[in-house]
Amino acid sequence: MTHDHGAGQGFRERTGSRSQGGRDVCCRGAEQPHTAARHGDRETLVKIGCIGLGDIAQKAYLPVLTAVPGVEPHLQTRTPATLQAVGDAHRVPAEGRHETLDSLLDAGLDAAFVHAPTAVHPQIVERLLDAGVATYVDKPIAYEYAESERLVNLAEERGVSLAVGFNRRFAPGYAQCAEHPRELILMQKNRVGLPEDPRTMILDDFIHVVDTLRFLAPGTVDHTTVRARIVDGLMHHVVLQLSGDGFTAIGMMNRLNGSTEEILEVSGRDTKRQVLNLADIVDHKGQPSVRRRGDWVPVARQRGIEACVHAFLDAVRRGETLSARDALATHELCERVVREAVEQAA
């Protein structure tokens, strides 16, 4: 599989103009962008919708969004009590609170963040794209690859931006690994007592591992191997190996691991870098050198969410297209993992 950082098809600003080039910011490398409060020589106020107000939206995204200058937040959930509580917590006025998607779209959004359950992603994303709203969707785009592909194609046909929230590409510890020799890449993302339906486990969780391996792979992947253990229809563990000229990347997830952990290791040229739980970085070249996350570093920054959000909003302000074509390649590989794992179990 090649790294396809495809260009998008143009992106509509509020003024109606379009950019001529597309790029894949939220599905590409980890720059450290900042969201300006100005566009050209004039102040801009961008209307940003947040659809779905669960834990991820409340704890990770809204604290970032509501701190960005020049953003007018609009919240949408079908649960009135949640809408009131979250709206009050972030001081969102009544006109920025919506119980239906129709009401939200009537507000004239510039962009939207989709944090609703994965099962309803396709219908929400399709409505947003049809309305010309730049869309950032939590991974995955959809549980079925065909649906994900359809939506990526729709975004390109409509000339509307679609980005997928692979925040680990923006996590400082992981982004720095892209600058390290990477002859061997090892990533584990494990949990305790949580075997799950294979498709759900792969698309909702293991997709982070798959995308990180693709992001860090230093060349074209020539060989792919999948091994898994499925018992009574529930996946216990899965291992993915990608290899190419001079490198091997191995990702694994164990749902009966005894502890919850995430470990990334990249090594080459007799050096190794470890990132433990997205926080602590250990460099090995003779003696290990440890860099710990500062006590005051926000979790959203540590996990790459802050930088990913700012990159998306920067593109919205510039009228620049973000393509989800590279993110689709990750979904395609996940589909292969599901298919081969289920075939092995049969």
Foldseek 3Di string as FASTA:
>chain_A
DFQDFDWFAWAQAPVGDTDDTFTAQQLAAADQDFFDQPFPPHGAAAEEEEEDDDPCCQQFPPVLQLPHHRYQYAYEDLDVVSQVVSCVVSVHDPQRYYDDPVSVVVVPHQAYEYPDDQQCLLVSLVVCLVSRHAYEYEFDSHLDLVSSVVSLVSNRVSNHAYHYRLQQSNQVQLSVLLVAAFQEKEKEFEAAPDFAQLSCCLRVPVLNVLSSQNNNPPGDWDDKDKEFDADPRTTQKIKIWTDDVRHIYIYMYGHNDVHGWIKIWGDDPQKIWIQTRLFKIWIDDPDIDIDGHDPPDRPNNSSRNSSSVRSSSNCSSNSHHHRCVSVSVSVVVSVVNSVVHVVVVD
